[in-house]
């Protein structure tokens, strides 16, 4: 998502199509590009994150994860580069410790500080002049950030800093390289423990919001200055003509979109040019607003027929995104966004809550966090597109405790959702590590857990009805 503005506005299901198909799980396992060995995988509690900001309620969102990312606007700290640095007190009177990072830390969150060039970015015609001859100031600013907020200091409020959110290809790349280099050096000088992230990048040509990872991040003098390659990925559908909405989205596993492909490309570039760097996805998400809100679309969102998903689809696709990212060599993934105001616009309804009331996605992500928090991705049991995906997760301490997650990797695009009929398959799973102790479906309401239809089919086998909502097979 482009740089954050504080005043942002950014079942009608029919009957499931039952194929009455019994799918025996045998044959070759399909392995994705970028899959890491299980011993490199993080536990899910160290993997799942969420994007927050000033109105973030840590007690509420602490139910769904323990990692938070904050949009730290530079123009809250100073009126322009070169001004006195007064961290943690901002020029707009916000106190970063008292009003933001302190309460988050107290609630148990580990925080990533996303430094935004808000007010000083390429959208201003004079932005180059603002940064001219400010190399020493950039170093001092990075040093001040790390010295106050970093894990080596007294406050220990953040553990990572991103140097820019989405400066993109519009920002003069020679100028940005110098800014990145000086801020990173300042951070390193103050706190060697803090992790430094690139801004949003991709291993292909950049655009207005995303930089080309191949530009200078492999240079010998830049490589020591960052620890994490930072990705933003959204399930965008390519336009085939100018009359189509530029904001159409699709389900995570759709082979025709670049949602997962850009992750695999970045991992491949990392493996070749920067093998010691981690890969984080700091933004991904899906919009879901109410039918009533859709009546209030306006401007280009009305003219180009912007569409979001319904609440159930948002929940399904967020959970399945986490599963798809976990299969890859990705260390963290942060949902965009925490809350929304039911705005019928791109990024305007992507919260886990609506007016701070949990949506279906909140309960689905909460369940994922609670069930898999102490587990890490272990292997692909079966991936047969588009029929079924089955992944195995292994407990971090109890080697014999496993959870299998099964679903059909199918779905629809936002502009086709009214015609979609979700698939449902009866599958046979064999080779279970042990007898299931429980089988639960994806939660969408507080205190309610669906119970998928299943039965034993032998000493190490079972039949199970699976659909587009993941089912969890607990073997403890």
Protein backbone atom coordinates (compact mmCIF):
# COMPACT_ATOMS: atom_id res chain seq x y z
CA UNK A 1 0.00 0.00 0.00
CA UNK A 2 1.32 3.45 -0.79
CA UNK A 3 2.47 5.73 2.00
CA UNK A 4 -0.07 5.94 4.79
CA UNK A 5 -2.19 9.04 5.35
CA UNK A 6 -3.62 9.35 8.85
CA UNK A 7 -7.08 10.33 7.64
CA UNK A 8 -7.11 7.35 5.24
CA UNK A 9 -10.09 6.00 3.42
CA UNK A 10 -8.17 3.59 1.88
CA UNK A 11 -23.53 -16.40 2.48
CA UNK A 12 -24.82 -15.39 -0.41
CA UNK A 13 -23.23 -18.76 -1.08
CA UNK A 14 -25.34 -21.05 -3.13
CA UNK A 15 -25.33 -24.73 -2.35
CA UNK A 16 -21.82 -26.14 -2.50
CA UNK A 17 -21.14 -28.02 -5.70
CA UNK A 18 -20.62 -31.54 -4.39
CA UNK A 19 -18.61 -33.61 -6.82
CA UNK A 20 -18.94 -36.72 -4.65
CA UNK A 21 -15.37 -37.40 -5.61
CA UNK A 22 -13.14 -39.73 -3.66
CA UNK A 23 -9.60 -38.61 -4.35
CA UNK A 24 -6.93 -41.08 -3.29
CA UNK A 25 -3.77 -39.24 -2.30
CA UNK A 26 -1.00 -41.02 -4.13
CA UNK A 27 1.53 -39.98 -6.71
CA UNK A 28 4.22 -37.29 -6.83
CA UNK A 29 4.27 -34.33 -4.46
CA UNK A 30 4.46 -30.95 -6.17
CA UNK A 31 7.05 -28.67 -4.55
CA UNK A 32 6.92 -24.93 -5.09
CA UNK A 33 9.86 -22.72 -5.93
CA UNK A 34 11.41 -21.23 -2.84
CA UNK A 35 10.41 -24.02 -0.47
CA UNK A 36 12.78 -24.20 2.51
CA UNK A 37 13.78 -27.11 4.66
CA UNK A 38 11.58 -27.56 7.74
CA UNK A 39 14.39 -26.65 10.15
CA UNK A 40 14.47 -23.09 8.73
CA UNK A 41 10.77 -22.54 9.22
CA UNK A 42 9.50 -20.19 11.94
CA UNK A 43 6.80 -21.21 14.37
CA UNK A 44 3.50 -19.70 13.32
CA UNK A 45 3.45 -17.37 16.33
CA UNK A 46 6.71 -15.91 14.96
CA UNK A 47 5.36 -15.82 11.40
CA UNK A 48 1.94 -14.13 11.55
CA UNK A 49 1.78 -10.34 11.75
CA UNK A 50 -0.57 -7.42 11.21
CA UNK A 51 -0.26 -3.82 10.04
CA UNK A 52 -1.36 -1.23 12.57
CA UNK A 53 -1.23 2.50 13.18
CA UNK A 54 -2.13 5.14 15.74
CA UNK A 55 -5.64 3.80 16.56
CA UNK A 56 -4.44 0.19 16.83
CA UNK A 57 -5.92 -1.65 19.83
CA UNK A 58 -3.21 -4.07 21.00
CA UNK A 59 -5.48 -5.92 23.44
CA UNK A 60 -7.94 -6.69 20.62
CA UNK A 61 -5.43 -7.69 17.95
CA UNK A 62 -3.26 -9.59 20.40
CA UNK A 63 -5.79 -12.39 19.86
CA UNK A 64 -4.62 -12.92 16.26
CA UNK A 65 -0.83 -12.45 16.38
CA UNK A 66 2.10 -11.08 18.35
CA UNK A 67 3.89 -9.24 15.51
CA UNK A 68 2.85 -5.71 14.54
CA UNK A 69 4.04 -3.27 11.91
CA UNK A 70 3.61 0.48 12.37
CA UNK A 71 3.59 3.18 9.70
CA UNK A 72 6.07 5.63 11.23
CA UNK A 73 5.62 8.87 9.29
CA UNK A 74 8.79 10.94 9.05
CA UNK A 75 6.79 14.17 8.90
CA UNK A 76 5.52 13.39 12.38
CA UNK A 77 9.14 13.57 13.58
CA UNK A 78 10.29 16.65 11.66
CA UNK A 79 8.79 19.27 9.39
CA UNK A 80 11.49 18.55 6.83
CA UNK A 81 14.86 16.79 6.58
CA UNK A 82 17.53 18.82 8.34
CA UNK A 83 15.34 19.89 11.26
CA UNK A 84 16.21 19.10 14.90
CA UNK A 85 15.51 15.46 15.82
CA UNK A 86 13.42 15.25 19.02
CA UNK A 87 12.53 11.52 19.16
CA UNK A 88 10.33 10.26 20.82
CA UNK A 89 8.40 13.57 20.80
CA UNK A 90 6.92 14.47 17.41
CA UNK A 91 6.30 17.88 15.89
CA UNK A 92 2.59 16.98 15.85
CA UNK A 93 2.77 16.38 19.66
CA UNK A 94 2.46 12.59 19.45
CA UNK A 95 4.81 10.82 21.84
CA UNK A 96 5.93 7.63 20.14
CA UNK A 97 6.60 5.73 23.35
CA UNK A 98 3.55 6.83 25.34
CA UNK A 99 1.03 6.85 22.49
CA UNK A 100 2.16 4.02 20.19
CA UNK A 101 5.06 1.69 20.83
CA UNK A 102 4.85 1.54 24.63
CA UNK A 103 1.24 0.23 24.77
CA UNK A 104 1.99 -2.24 21.97
CA UNK A 105 5.03 -3.55 23.82
CA UNK A 106 3.08 -3.80 27.08
CA UNK A 107 0.48 -5.97 25.31
CA UNK A 108 3.20 -8.37 24.17
CA UNK A 109 3.77 -7.23 20.60
CA UNK A 110 7.09 -7.25 18.80
CA UNK A 111 7.05 -4.21 16.50
CA UNK A 112 8.48 -3.48 13.08
CA UNK A 113 8.92 0.27 12.47
CA UNK A 114 8.09 1.12 8.87
CA UNK A 115 9.72 4.50 8.26
CA UNK A 116 7.66 6.45 5.73
CA UNK A 117 8.92 9.40 3.75
CA UNK A 118 5.47 10.96 4.17
CA UNK A 119 5.49 14.57 3.02
CA UNK A 120 8.96 14.25 1.52
CA UNK A 121 8.30 11.70 -1.22
CA UNK A 122 8.26 11.90 -4.99
CA UNK A 123 4.71 13.26 -5.02
CA UNK A 124 6.17 16.67 -4.14
CA UNK A 125 7.71 18.51 -7.05
CA UNK A 126 10.49 19.84 -4.79
CA UNK A 127 11.28 16.57 -3.00
CA UNK A 128 14.82 16.40 -4.41
CA UNK A 129 15.63 19.81 -2.97
CA UNK A 130 14.41 18.70 0.47
CA UNK A 131 17.04 15.94 0.54
CA UNK A 132 19.93 17.87 -1.01
CA UNK A 133 23.04 17.97 1.20
CA UNK A 134 21.25 16.04 3.98
CA UNK A 135 23.57 13.02 4.08
CA UNK A 136 24.85 13.80 7.60
CA UNK A 137 21.31 14.45 8.81
CA UNK A 138 20.10 11.10 7.40
CA UNK A 139 22.87 9.33 9.30
CA UNK A 140 21.95 11.18 12.51
CA UNK A 141 18.26 10.44 12.03
CA UNK A 142 18.84 6.70 11.54
CA UNK A 143 21.10 6.68 14.58
CA UNK A 144 18.51 8.49 16.70
CA UNK A 145 15.77 6.05 15.68
CA UNK A 146 17.83 2.99 16.55
CA UNK A 147 19.34 4.43 19.73
CA UNK A 148 15.93 5.21 21.23
CA UNK A 149 13.70 2.45 19.88
CA UNK A 150 16.13 -0.42 19.29
CA UNK A 151 16.60 -3.63 21.30
CA UNK A 152 20.04 -2.57 22.58
CA UNK A 153 18.73 0.60 24.21
CA UNK A 154 16.79 1.17 27.40
CA UNK A 155 13.33 1.21 25.81
CA UNK A 156 13.52 -1.85 23.51
CA UNK A 157 10.36 -0.81 21.67
CA UNK A 158 11.08 -2.13 18.14
CA UNK A 159 13.20 -4.91 16.70
CA UNK A 160 13.31 -3.90 13.01
CA UNK A 161 13.21 -0.76 10.86
CA UNK A 162 12.17 -0.41 7.21
CA UNK A 163 13.85 2.44 5.33
CA UNK A 164 10.81 3.57 3.37
CA UNK A 165 7.44 1.95 2.78
CA UNK A 166 6.74 2.30 -0.94
CA UNK A 167 9.03 4.99 -2.38
CA UNK A 168 8.78 3.12 -5.68
CA UNK A 169 10.42 3.75 -9.02
CA UNK A 170 9.22 7.36 -9.10
CA UNK A 171 11.67 8.29 -6.34
CA UNK A 172 15.04 9.26 -7.86
CA UNK A 173 16.99 6.01 -7.45
CA UNK A 174 20.42 7.63 -7.09
CA UNK A 175 19.03 9.91 -4.40
CA UNK A 176 17.18 7.09 -2.66
CA UNK A 177 20.31 4.93 -2.65
CA UNK A 178 22.17 7.67 -0.82
CA UNK A 179 19.34 8.16 1.71
CA UNK A 180 19.07 4.40 2.31
CA UNK A 181 22.82 4.09 2.75
CA UNK A 182 23.12 6.92 5.26
CA UNK A 183 20.07 5.99 7.36
CA UNK A 184 21.17 2.34 7.43
CA UNK A 185 24.66 3.31 8.52
CA UNK A 186 23.20 5.43 11.29
CA UNK A 187 21.05 2.52 12.47
CA UNK A 188 24.02 0.16 12.41
CA UNK A 189 26.11 2.66 14.39
CA UNK A 190 23.52 2.83 17.17
CA UNK A 191 22.28 -0.76 17.40
CA UNK A 192 23.77 -3.80 15.72
CA UNK A 193 20.87 -5.99 16.88
CA UNK A 194 18.12 -4.22 15.01
CA UNK A 195 17.10 -5.71 11.66
CA UNK A 196 17.06 -3.36 8.68
CA UNK A 197 14.57 -3.91 5.86
CA UNK A 198 14.53 -2.68 2.30
CA UNK A 199 11.40 -0.80 1.26
CA UNK A 200 8.87 -2.73 -0.83
CA UNK A 201 10.76 -4.41 -3.68
CA UNK A 202 10.30 -7.07 -6.34
CA UNK A 203 12.76 -8.97 -8.53
CA UNK A 204 11.37 -7.46 -11.72
CA UNK A 205 10.91 -3.95 -13.08
CA UNK A 206 9.63 -1.51 -10.49
CA UNK A 207 6.48 0.59 -10.59
CA UNK A 208 5.20 3.70 -8.85
CA UNK A 209 5.17 1.94 -5.47
CA UNK A 210 7.63 -0.95 -5.69
CA UNK A 211 11.37 -0.77 -6.37
CA UNK A 212 13.34 -3.21 -8.53
CA UNK A 213 15.28 -5.45 -6.14
CA UNK A 214 17.85 -5.98 -8.86
CA UNK A 215 18.71 -2.28 -8.98
CA UNK A 216 21.35 -1.80 -6.27
CA UNK A 217 20.47 -4.18 -3.42
CA UNK A 218 23.08 -6.65 -4.66
CA UNK A 219 25.89 -4.05 -4.63
CA UNK A 220 28.84 -4.91 -2.40
CA UNK A 221 28.55 -1.71 -0.34
CA UNK A 222 24.77 -2.07 0.15
CA UNK A 223 24.54 -5.77 1.06
CA UNK A 224 25.91 -5.31 4.62
CA UNK A 225 23.38 -2.55 5.31
CA UNK A 226 20.18 -4.61 5.33
CA UNK A 227 18.99 -7.92 6.74
CA UNK A 228 15.56 -8.45 5.17
CA UNK A 229 14.11 -8.28 1.66
CA UNK A 230 10.70 -6.67 2.01
CA UNK A 231 7.78 -7.66 -0.24
CA UNK A 232 4.25 -6.34 -0.72
CA UNK A 233 2.01 -8.66 -2.70
CA UNK A 234 -1.66 -8.37 -3.58
CA UNK A 235 -3.69 -10.85 -5.61
CA UNK A 236 -4.22 -8.48 -8.53
CA UNK A 237 -5.77 -9.66 -11.80
CA UNK A 238 -4.04 -8.36 -14.96
CA UNK A 239 -6.21 -6.05 -17.06
CA UNK A 240 -6.94 -7.16 -20.60
CA UNK A 241 -8.44 -3.82 -21.66
CA UNK A 242 -8.86 -0.29 -20.32
CA UNK A 243 -12.54 -0.77 -19.48
CA UNK A 244 -11.76 -3.39 -16.84
CA UNK A 245 -11.28 -2.44 -13.23
CA UNK A 246 -7.59 -2.15 -12.29
CA UNK A 247 -8.49 -3.41 -8.81
CA UNK A 248 -9.88 -6.88 -9.53
CA UNK A 249 -8.49 -9.52 -7.16
CA UNK A 250 -8.35 -13.30 -7.17
CA UNK A 251 -7.91 -16.22 -4.80
CA UNK A 252 -4.34 -16.96 -3.61
CA UNK A 253 -3.61 -20.07 -5.69
CA UNK A 254 -4.88 -18.65 -9.02
CA UNK A 255 -2.12 -19.70 -11.49
CA UNK A 256 -2.88 -16.76 -13.79
CA UNK A 257 -1.83 -14.03 -11.30
CA UNK A 258 1.55 -12.96 -9.89
CA UNK A 259 0.55 -13.05 -6.21
CA UNK A 260 2.83 -15.97 -5.29
CA UNK A 261 5.08 -15.67 -8.31
CA UNK A 262 6.64 -12.38 -7.12
CA UNK A 263 7.49 -14.10 -3.82
CA UNK A 264 9.18 -16.99 -5.61
CA UNK A 265 11.12 -14.58 -7.86
CA UNK A 266 12.42 -12.60 -4.89
CA UNK A 267 13.49 -15.77 -3.09
CA UNK A 268 15.32 -16.98 -6.21
CA UNK A 269 17.12 -13.61 -6.49
CA UNK A 270 17.98 -13.76 -2.79
CA UNK A 271 19.38 -17.28 -3.09
CA UNK A 272 21.69 -16.16 -5.89
CA UNK A 273 22.73 -12.67 -4.80
CA UNK A 274 22.05 -12.27 -1.07
CA UNK A 275 21.86 -15.75 0.48
CA UNK A 276 21.97 -14.62 4.10
CA UNK A 277 18.96 -12.30 3.89
CA UNK A 278 15.50 -13.13 5.17
CA UNK A 279 12.37 -12.55 3.10
CA UNK A 280 9.35 -10.91 4.76
CA UNK A 281 5.96 -10.09 3.27
CA UNK A 282 4.97 -6.93 5.11
CA UNK A 283 1.73 -6.31 3.21
CA UNK A 284 -0.90 -8.66 1.81
CA UNK A 285 -4.65 -8.55 2.17
CA UNK A 286 -8.17 -8.69 0.78
CA UNK A 287 -11.01 -6.16 0.86
CA UNK A 288 -14.47 -7.13 2.11
CA UNK A 289 -17.18 -4.53 2.65
CA UNK A 290 -20.91 -4.85 3.29
CA UNK A 291 -23.59 -4.80 0.61
CA UNK A 292 -24.88 -1.57 2.10
CA UNK A 293 -21.47 0.07 1.70
CA UNK A 294 -21.32 -1.01 -1.96
CA UNK A 295 -24.28 1.28 -2.63
CA UNK A 296 -22.03 4.21 -1.68
CA UNK A 297 -19.26 3.69 -4.22
CA UNK A 298 -18.23 6.92 -5.90
CA UNK A 299 -15.75 8.47 -8.31
CA UNK A 300 -13.50 5.96 -10.07
CA UNK A 301 -14.52 3.14 -7.73
CA UNK A 302 -18.04 3.44 -9.14
CA UNK A 303 -17.04 4.23 -12.75
CA UNK A 304 -14.65 1.26 -12.95
CA UNK A 305 -16.89 -1.04 -10.91
CA UNK A 306 -14.56 -1.69 -7.97
CA UNK A 307 -15.50 -4.94 -6.24
CA UNK A 308 -14.47 -6.47 -2.94
CA UNK A 309 -15.12 -9.94 -1.57
CA UNK A 310 -17.71 -11.01 0.95
CA UNK A 311 -16.58 -11.60 4.52
CA UNK A 312 -16.29 -15.38 4.14
CA UNK A 313 -14.06 -15.15 1.08
CA UNK A 314 -11.81 -12.62 2.80
CA UNK A 315 -11.40 -15.04 5.70
CA UNK A 316 -10.68 -18.01 3.43
CA UNK A 317 -8.14 -16.20 1.27
CA UNK A 318 -6.25 -14.66 4.19
CA UNK A 319 -5.85 -18.03 5.91
CA UNK A 320 -4.88 -19.74 2.66
CA UNK A 321 -2.37 -16.96 1.94
CA UNK A 322 -0.64 -17.63 5.25
CA UNK A 323 -0.48 -21.32 4.33
CA UNK A 324 0.94 -20.59 0.87
CA UNK A 325 3.56 -18.23 2.30
CA UNK A 326 4.50 -20.75 5.01
CA UNK A 327 5.32 -23.31 2.32
CA UNK A 328 7.93 -20.92 0.94
CA UNK A 329 11.15 -19.64 2.49
CA UNK A 330 9.40 -16.64 4.06
CA UNK A 331 10.09 -15.69 7.66
CA UNK A 332 7.15 -13.35 8.31
CA UNK A 333 3.86 -12.25 6.73
CA UNK A 334 1.84 -9.20 7.85
CA UNK A 335 -1.86 -8.74 7.02
CA UNK A 336 -2.98 -5.38 5.69
CA UNK A 337 -5.04 -4.16 7.63
CA UNK A 338 -6.16 -4.11 11.24
CA UNK A 339 -9.43 -2.13 11.00
CA UNK A 340 -11.57 -0.52 8.32
CA UNK A 341 -14.52 1.84 8.09
CA UNK A 342 -16.41 -0.27 5.54
CA UNK A 343 -15.22 1.95 2.70
CA UNK A 344 -16.04 0.57 -0.79
CA UNK A 345 -12.60 1.25 -2.25
CA UNK A 346 -9.26 -0.45 -2.74
CA UNK A 347 -7.63 -1.02 0.69
CA UNK A 348 -10.66 0.66 2.25
CA UNK A 349 -12.28 -2.50 3.64
CA UNK A 350 -9.34 -4.81 4.26
CA UNK A 351 -9.42 -4.83 8.05
CA UNK A 352 -9.83 -7.88 10.26
CA UNK A 353 -12.35 -5.70 12.05
CA UNK A 354 -14.98 -3.26 10.82
CA UNK A 355 -15.33 -0.27 13.14
CA UNK A 356 -13.33 -2.44 15.58
CA UNK A 357 -15.96 -5.19 15.48
CA UNK A 358 -14.48 -8.54 14.39
CA UNK A 359 -15.27 -9.74 10.88
CA UNK A 360 -15.23 -13.40 9.87
CA UNK A 361 -11.56 -12.98 8.98
CA UNK A 362 -10.74 -12.03 12.57
CA UNK A 363 -12.07 -15.31 13.92
CA UNK A 364 -10.47 -17.36 11.13
CA UNK A 365 -7.04 -15.79 11.67
CA UNK A 366 -7.41 -16.07 15.45
CA UNK A 367 -8.09 -19.80 15.08
CA UNK A 368 -5.10 -20.22 12.76
CA UNK A 369 -2.88 -18.47 15.32
CA UNK A 370 -4.17 -20.54 18.21
CA UNK A 371 -4.03 -23.90 16.43
CA UNK A 372 -0.69 -23.47 14.63
CA UNK A 373 1.09 -20.99 16.91
CA UNK A 374 3.40 -23.66 18.34
CA UNK A 375 3.75 -25.46 15.00
CA UNK A 376 5.87 -24.88 11.91
CA UNK A 377 5.37 -25.92 8.30
CA UNK A 378 6.86 -29.37 7.78
CA UNK A 379 5.91 -30.63 4.32
CA UNK A 380 3.43 -30.77 1.49
CA UNK A 381 1.42 -33.95 1.91
CA UNK A 382 -0.42 -33.45 -1.37
CA UNK A 383 -0.90 -30.63 -3.85
CA UNK A 384 -3.07 -31.55 -6.81
CA UNK A 385 -4.36 -28.40 -8.48
CA UNK A 386 -7.18 -27.55 -8.55
CA UNK A 387 -8.54 -30.43 -6.49
CA UNK A 388 -6.81 -30.38 -3.13
CA UNK A 389 -3.95 -29.10 -0.97
CA UNK A 390 -2.85 -30.89 2.20
CA UNK A 391 0.01 -29.45 4.29
CA UNK A 392 1.62 -30.88 7.41
CA UNK A 393 2.65 -28.76 10.40
CA UNK A 394 4.90 -30.10 13.15
CA UNK A 395 4.95 -29.03 16.80
CA UNK A 396 8.04 -27.10 17.82
CA UNK A 397 8.75 -29.31 20.86
CA UNK A 398 6.60 -32.43 20.56
CA UNK A 399 7.91 -34.21 17.48
CA UNK A 400 4.95 -36.60 17.26
CA UNK A 401 2.33 -33.85 17.39
CA UNK A 402 1.17 -32.97 13.87
CA UNK A 403 -1.63 -30.99 12.25
CA UNK A 404 -2.68 -31.49 8.66
CA UNK A 405 -4.53 -28.67 6.92
CA UNK A 406 -6.65 -29.52 3.87
CA UNK A 407 -8.62 -27.37 1.42
CA UNK A 408 -9.54 -27.03 -2.23
CA UNK A 409 -7.32 -24.36 -3.87
CA UNK A 410 -10.21 -22.88 -5.80
CA UNK A 411 -12.13 -19.64 -5.62
CA UNK A 412 -13.22 -16.71 -7.71
CA UNK A 413 -12.28 -13.24 -8.80
CA UNK A 414 -13.93 -10.24 -7.21
CA UNK A 415 -15.90 -9.25 -10.31
CA UNK A 416 -17.17 -12.84 -10.73
CA UNK A 417 -18.11 -13.63 -7.14
CA UNK A 418 -21.86 -13.50 -7.66
CA UNK A 419 -21.66 -16.40 -10.12
CA UNK A 420 -19.25 -18.48 -8.04
CA UNK A 421 -20.30 -21.81 -6.57
CA UNK A 422 -17.67 -23.15 -4.18
CA UNK A 423 -16.27 -26.61 -4.74
CA UNK A 424 -16.51 -29.46 -2.24
CA UNK A 425 -14.74 -32.79 -2.50
CA UNK A 426 -14.70 -36.01 -0.52
CA UNK A 427 -11.08 -37.08 -0.31
CA UNK A 428 -9.30 -40.09 1.15
CA UNK A 429 -6.20 -39.36 3.20
CA UNK A 430 -3.87 -42.23 3.96
CA UNK A 431 -0.49 -42.42 5.66
CA UNK A 432 -1.66 -40.40 8.66
CA UNK A 433 1.11 -40.15 11.33
CA UNK A 434 -1.45 -41.11 13.98
CA UNK A 435 -5.19 -41.29 14.52
CA UNK A 436 -6.88 -37.86 14.50
CA UNK A 437 -7.83 -36.52 17.92
CA UNK A 438 -10.08 -33.88 16.36
CA UNK A 439 -11.08 -32.41 13.00
CA UNK A 440 -12.32 -28.83 12.85
CA UNK A 441 -13.30 -26.44 10.11
CA UNK A 442 -12.41 -22.77 9.70
CA UNK A 443 -13.99 -20.58 12.37
CA UNK A 444 -15.96 -17.52 11.25
CA UNK A 445 -17.77 -16.62 14.49
CA UNK A 446 -16.84 -16.37 18.13
CA UNK A 447 -17.27 -19.64 19.99
CA UNK A 448 -18.39 -21.60 16.93
CA UNK A 449 -16.24 -24.23 15.24
CA UNK A 450 -17.57 -26.05 12.16
CA UNK A 451 -17.28 -29.83 12.11
CA UNK A 452 -16.41 -31.24 8.68
CA UNK A 453 -17.79 -34.62 7.69
CA UNK A 454 -15.14 -37.29 8.13
CA UNK A 455 -14.71 -40.99 8.98
CA UNK A 456 -11.95 -43.48 9.60
CA UNK A 457 -11.00 -45.50 6.56
CA UNK A 458 -8.47 -47.88 8.09
CA UNK A 459 -5.72 -47.81 10.72
CA UNK A 460 -3.94 -44.82 9.11
CA UNK A 461 -6.54 -43.42 6.73
CA UNK A 462 -9.64 -41.25 6.74
CA UNK A 463 -12.21 -39.76 4.40
CA UNK A 464 -12.91 -36.05 4.66
CA UNK A 465 -15.18 -33.54 2.97
CA UNK A 466 -13.06 -30.51 2.09
CA UNK A 467 -13.95 -27.18 0.55
CA UNK A 468 -12.58 -23.68 0.10
CA UNK A 469 -12.45 -23.13 3.87
CA UNK A 470 -9.42 -25.00 5.30
CA UNK A 471 -10.03 -27.97 7.62
CA UNK A 472 -7.63 -28.83 10.44
CA UNK A 473 -6.82 -32.47 11.27
CA UNK A 474 -5.28 -32.60 14.75
CA UNK A 475 -3.00 -35.51 15.59
CA UNK A 476 -1.64 -34.96 19.09
